Protein backbone atom coordinates (compact mmCIF):
# COMPACT_ATOMS: atom_id res chain seq x y z
CA UNK A 1 -0.03 -0.01 0.02
CA UNK A 2 2.85 2.36 0.80
CA UNK A 3 4.45 1.71 -2.48
CA UNK A 4 1.17 2.46 -4.22
CA UNK A 5 0.88 5.81 -2.62
CA UNK A 6 -1.00 5.52 0.62
CA UNK A 7 0.47 7.18 3.67
CA UNK A 8 0.87 5.30 7.00
CA UNK A 9 -1.77 7.59 8.44
CA UNK A 10 -4.27 6.56 5.80
CA UNK A 11 -3.65 2.88 6.37
CA UNK A 12 -3.88 3.29 10.08
CA UNK A 13 -7.24 5.11 9.68
CA UNK A 14 -8.54 2.15 7.76
CA UNK A 15 -7.33 -0.53 10.02
CA UNK A 16 -8.06 1.32 13.26
CA UNK A 17 -4.65 0.54 14.73
CA UNK A 18 -1.06 1.56 14.49
CA UNK A 19 0.52 0.29 11.30
CA UNK A 20 2.04 -3.29 11.66
CA UNK A 21 5.57 -4.06 10.49
CA UNK A 22 5.96 -3.49 6.82
CA UNK A 23 6.76 -7.25 6.18
CA UNK A 24 3.21 -8.20 7.48
CA UNK A 25 0.66 -8.54 4.85
CA UNK A 26 -2.77 -6.80 5.31
CA UNK A 27 -4.80 -10.03 5.02
CA UNK A 28 -2.59 -11.67 7.80
CA UNK A 29 -2.89 -8.66 10.01
CA UNK A 30 -6.79 -8.65 9.67
CA UNK A 31 -7.02 -12.45 10.38
CA UNK A 32 -4.64 -12.04 13.34
CA UNK A 33 -6.81 -9.24 14.80
CA UNK A 34 -10.03 -10.92 14.02
CA UNK A 35 -11.03 -8.28 11.53
CA UNK A 36 -13.04 -8.83 8.25
CA UNK A 37 -10.35 -8.49 5.46
CA UNK A 38 -12.99 -7.69 2.81
CA UNK A 39 -14.01 -4.50 4.64
CA UNK A 40 -10.43 -3.35 5.05
CA UNK A 41 -9.60 -4.28 1.45
CA UNK A 42 -12.51 -2.22 0.07
CA UNK A 43 -11.60 0.82 2.23
CA UNK A 44 -7.96 0.63 1.13
CA UNK A 45 -8.89 0.13 -2.51
CA UNK A 46 -11.14 3.27 -2.29
CA UNK A 47 -8.29 5.37 -1.03
CA UNK A 48 -6.11 4.01 -3.80
CA UNK A 49 -8.70 4.67 -6.37
CA UNK A 50 -9.09 8.26 -5.13
CA UNK A 51 -5.36 8.83 -5.77
CA UNK A 52 -5.81 8.31 -9.48
């Protein structure tokens, strides 16, 4: 996400927590935290789409 243009703050706003280590994939993070990955994915995608 960072490489695609999102800031740490934008990612944290979507996931509702401090950004995890950069080597942790968002899906794994969501599963570990008991969060619904689909909701997070849609929100992140919307932010990426807004950059274009």
